[in-house]
Each structure stands twice: as structure tokens, then as C-alpha cells.
């Protein structure tokens, strides 16, 4: 099967905007982007890794985005893999910092002493 025409159709469909960009249309666009990425991957196109990295970054799956950005970095003509890797790394770090802050603040503000009621 020739996967390039399938990918081109999905790319064109991704570029079209129907109505306002609500939650359903965002999900639809993500699914179309994923289908285009898979079609390119099946065709052996070097853009497939870059498309897949974009998808994982949009889905906030930063480890996978970094992995696919590394694969896409084999292309010498594009700086976008580096941009995706930096964005995914920063987002993953900010998520980790936020999580650690919540854990530490929970540990700091947990009092293991019995409550003492003062009566006047």
C-alpha cells in the first residue's frame, strides 16, 4: 500500500478549520495528526519521527516526545526536533518541580502532634 497519499490527505484535513476550535475539534485534530504521523511512519518518510514528536508533545507525553525528537534529529535540515526536545524537557521539569513542591509542602505542613484545645 502507498501510504504517502494517505498522509497527504490527513495533512490537508488537519490544515482545514471547521467552525470554532472547541474541545471536540481539538481532539479531532489530534487524531488526524496521529493518523498522518502513522501513515508517514509506515511509508518510511523521515518526517514521520518529527510528526510523532509533535503529537506526543501536544498530548503532554514528554518522555515519548523526547524519544521521537531524538529520532527526528537525524535529519540535518531541521531545528524543530531541538525545539520539541527543549519544550518537552522544560514542561517535564516544571511538572516534576510542581509535584515535588506539593509533596514537600505536604510533608512540611503535616503535623504529627495531637491537637491541643485551649479553653479560656
C-alpha atoms as a PDB file:
ATOM      1  CA  UNK A   1       0.000   0.000   0.000  1.00  0.00           C
ATOM      2  CA  UNK A   2       1.189   3.501  -0.797  1.00  0.00           C
ATOM      3  CA  UNK A   3       0.992   5.481   2.455  1.00  0.00           C
ATOM      4  CA  UNK A   4       2.105   8.871   1.113  1.00  0.00           C
ATOM      5  CA  UNK A   5      -1.316   9.809  -0.392  1.00  0.00           C
ATOM      6  CA  UNK A   6      -2.989   8.811   2.881  1.00  0.00           C
ATOM      7  CA  UNK A   7      -0.622  11.093   4.790  1.00  0.00           C
ATOM      8  CA  UNK A   8      -1.217  13.966   2.364  1.00  0.00           C
ATOM      9  CA  UNK A   9      -4.991  13.656   2.776  1.00  0.00           C
ATOM     10  CA  UNK A  10      -4.632  13.679   6.572  1.00  0.00           C
ATOM     11  CA  UNK A  11      -2.303  16.705   6.460  1.00  0.00           C
ATOM     12  CA  UNK A  12      -4.768  18.625   4.289  1.00  0.00           C
ATOM     13  CA  UNK A  13      -7.608  17.681   6.610  1.00  0.00           C
ATOM     14  CA  UNK A  14      -5.548  18.819   9.621  1.00  0.00           C
ATOM     15  CA  UNK A  15      -4.950  22.214   7.976  1.00  0.00           C
ATOM     16  CA  UNK A  16      -8.674  22.882   7.388  1.00  0.00           C
ATOM     17  CA  UNK A  17     -10.612  24.590  10.155  1.00  0.00           C
ATOM     18  CA  UNK A  18     -14.348  23.985  10.517  1.00  0.00           C
ATOM     19  CA  UNK A  19     -16.085  26.330  12.925  1.00  0.00           C
ATOM     20  CA  UNK A  20     -14.608  27.325  16.250  1.00  0.00           C
ATOM     21  CA  UNK A  21     -11.799  25.448  17.925  1.00  0.00           C
ATOM     22  CA  UNK A  22     -13.640  23.736  20.780  1.00  0.00           C
ATOM     23  CA  UNK A  23     -12.704  20.611  22.722  1.00  0.00           C
ATOM     24  CA  UNK A  24     -14.160  18.203  20.164  1.00  0.00           C
ATOM     25  CA  UNK A  25     -12.353  19.812  17.245  1.00  0.00           C
ATOM     26  CA  UNK A  26      -9.063  19.803  19.168  1.00  0.00           C
ATOM     27  CA  UNK A  27      -9.448  16.061  19.797  1.00  0.00           C
ATOM     28  CA  UNK A  28     -10.355  15.541  16.147  1.00  0.00           C
ATOM     29  CA  UNK A  29      -7.282  17.488  15.000  1.00  0.00           C
ATOM     30  CA  UNK A  30      -5.094  15.436  17.327  1.00  0.00           C
ATOM     31  CA  UNK A  31      -6.482  12.195  15.916  1.00  0.00           C
ATOM     32  CA  UNK A  32      -5.914  13.413  12.354  1.00  0.00           C
ATOM     33  CA  UNK A  33      -2.335  14.411  13.198  1.00  0.00           C
ATOM     34  CA  UNK A  34      -1.762  10.991  14.730  1.00  0.00           C
ATOM     35  CA  UNK A  35      -3.126   9.289  11.604  1.00  0.00           C
ATOM     36  CA  UNK A  36      -0.846  11.408   9.391  1.00  0.00           C
ATOM     37  CA  UNK A  37       2.146  10.532  11.557  1.00  0.00           C
ATOM     38  CA  UNK A  38       1.377   6.821  11.408  1.00  0.00           C
ATOM     39  CA  UNK A  39       0.942   6.943   7.640  1.00  0.00           C
ATOM     40  CA  UNK A  40       4.312   8.682   7.271  1.00  0.00           C
ATOM     41  CA  UNK A  41       5.892   6.162   9.616  1.00  0.00           C
ATOM     42  CA  UNK A  42       4.503   3.280   7.545  1.00  0.00           C
ATOM     43  CA  UNK A  43       5.826   4.921   4.377  1.00  0.00           C
ATOM     44  CA  UNK A  44       9.298   5.229   5.874  1.00  0.00           C
ATOM     45  CA  UNK A  45       9.257   9.020   5.476  1.00  0.00           C
ATOM     46  CA  UNK A  46      11.883  10.840   7.569  1.00  0.00           C
ATOM     47  CA  UNK A  47       9.232  13.388   8.589  1.00  0.00           C
ATOM     48  CA  UNK A  48       7.376  10.653  10.493  1.00  0.00           C
ATOM     49  CA  UNK A  49       9.566  10.931  13.576  1.00  0.00           C
ATOM     50  CA  UNK A  50       9.095  14.698  13.651  1.00  0.00           C
ATOM     51  CA  UNK A  51       5.324  14.392  13.252  1.00  0.00           C
ATOM     52  CA  UNK A  52       5.195  11.778  16.007  1.00  0.00           C
ATOM     53  CA  UNK A  53       7.277  14.010  18.311  1.00  0.00           C
ATOM     54  CA  UNK A  54       4.802  16.860  17.702  1.00  0.00           C
ATOM     55  CA  UNK A  55       1.892  14.577  18.571  1.00  0.00           C
ATOM     56  CA  UNK A  56       3.420  13.378  21.831  1.00  0.00           C
ATOM     57  CA  UNK A  57       4.313  16.947  22.811  1.00  0.00           C
ATOM     58  CA  UNK A  58       0.699  18.061  22.240  1.00  0.00           C
ATOM     59  CA  UNK A  59      -0.520  15.103  24.293  1.00  0.00           C
ATOM     60  CA  UNK A  60       1.882  16.102  27.096  1.00  0.00           C
ATOM     61  CA  UNK A  61       3.659  12.745  26.924  1.00  0.00           C
ATOM     62  CA  UNK A  62       7.093  14.279  27.341  1.00  0.00           C
ATOM     63  CA  UNK A  63       9.237  11.140  27.546  1.00  0.00           C
ATOM     64  CA  UNK A  64       7.894   9.887  24.232  1.00  0.00           C
ATOM     65  CA  UNK A  65       8.220  13.372  22.707  1.00  0.00           C
ATOM     66  CA  UNK A  66      11.894  13.460  23.700  1.00  0.00           C
ATOM     67  CA  UNK A  67      12.458   9.991  22.270  1.00  0.00           C
ATOM     68  CA  UNK A  68      10.875  10.823  18.916  1.00  0.00           C
ATOM     69  CA  UNK A  69      12.577  14.230  18.781  1.00  0.00           C
ATOM     70  CA  UNK A  70      15.896  12.427  19.147  1.00  0.00           C
ATOM     71  CA  UNK A  71      14.994  10.192  16.199  1.00  0.00           C
ATOM     72  CA  UNK A  72      13.896  13.230  14.173  1.00  0.00           C
ATOM     73  CA  UNK A  73      17.183  14.986  14.948  1.00  0.00           C
ATOM     74  CA  UNK A  74      18.894  12.629  12.489  1.00  0.00           C
ATOM     75  CA  UNK A  75      17.588  14.967   9.782  1.00  0.00           C
ATOM     76  CA  UNK A  76      20.185  17.702   9.252  1.00  0.00           C
ATOM     77  CA  UNK A  77      17.766  20.212   7.730  1.00  0.00           C
ATOM     78  CA  UNK A  78      15.501  20.874  10.707  1.00  0.00           C
ATOM     79  CA  UNK A  79      15.848  22.621  14.051  1.00  0.00           C
ATOM     80  CA  UNK A  80      12.329  21.674  15.119  1.00  0.00           C
ATOM     81  CA  UNK A  81      13.426  18.444  16.866  1.00  0.00           C
ATOM     82  CA  UNK A  82      15.610  20.535  19.160  1.00  0.00           C
ATOM     83  CA  UNK A  83      12.710  22.898  19.853  1.00  0.00           C
ATOM     84  CA  UNK A  84      10.442  19.952  20.687  1.00  0.00           C
ATOM     85  CA  UNK A  85      13.091  18.407  22.940  1.00  0.00           C
ATOM     86  CA  UNK A  86      13.604  21.678  24.826  1.00  0.00           C
ATOM     87  CA  UNK A  87       9.848  22.263  25.194  1.00  0.00           C
ATOM     88  CA  UNK A  88       9.253  18.701  26.390  1.00  0.00           C
ATOM     89  CA  UNK A  89      12.170  18.903  28.802  1.00  0.00           C
ATOM     90  CA  UNK A  90      11.017  22.204  30.265  1.00  0.00           C
ATOM     91  CA  UNK A  91       7.429  21.015  30.583  1.00  0.00           C
ATOM     92  CA  UNK A  92       8.518  17.756  32.203  1.00  0.00           C
ATOM     93  CA  UNK A  93      10.771  19.642  34.633  1.00  0.00           C
ATOM     94  CA  UNK A  94       8.050  22.116  35.554  1.00  0.00           C
ATOM     95  CA  UNK A  95       5.637  19.244  36.153  1.00  0.00           C
ATOM     96  CA  UNK A  96       8.233  17.455  38.267  1.00  0.00           C
ATOM     97  CA  UNK A  97       9.059  20.627  40.223  1.00  0.00           C
ATOM     98  CA  UNK A  98       5.354  21.210  40.863  1.00  0.00           C
ATOM     99  CA  UNK A  99       4.909  17.615  42.026  1.00  0.00           C
ATOM    100  CA  UNK A 100       7.916  17.823  44.324  1.00  0.00           C
ATOM    101  CA  UNK A 101       6.636  21.123  45.726  1.00  0.00           C
ATOM    102  CA  UNK A 102       3.298  19.515  46.536  1.00  0.00           C
ATOM    103  CA  UNK A 103       4.988  16.539  48.205  1.00  0.00           C
ATOM    104  CA  UNK A 104       7.394  18.707  50.196  1.00  0.00           C
ATOM    105  CA  UNK A 105       4.708  21.165  51.243  1.00  0.00           C
ATOM    106  CA  UNK A 106       2.535  18.254  52.335  1.00  0.00           C
ATOM    107  CA  UNK A 107       5.409  16.877  54.366  1.00  0.00           C
ATOM    108  CA  UNK A 108       6.257  20.259  55.873  1.00  0.00           C
ATOM    109  CA  UNK A 109       2.743  21.137  56.883  1.00  0.00           C
ATOM    110  CA  UNK A 110       1.741  17.756  58.227  1.00  0.00           C
ATOM    111  CA  UNK A 111       1.799  17.995  61.971  1.00  0.00           C
ATOM    112  CA  UNK A 112       2.170  14.709  63.795  1.00  0.00           C
ATOM    113  CA  UNK A 113       1.318  16.181  67.170  1.00  0.00           C
ATOM    114  CA  UNK A 114      -2.004  15.832  68.902  1.00  0.00           C
ATOM    115  CA  UNK A 115      -4.237  18.851  68.733  1.00  0.00           C
ATOM    116  CA  UNK A 116      -4.394  20.853  71.927  1.00  0.00           C
ATOM    117  CA  UNK A 117      -7.505  22.814  72.645  1.00  0.00           C
ATOM    118  CA  UNK A 118      -7.121  25.806  74.849  1.00  0.00           C
ATOM    119  CA  UNK A 119     -10.109  26.693  76.979  1.00  0.00           C
ATOM    120  CA  UNK A 120     -10.438  30.113  78.467  1.00  0.00           C
END
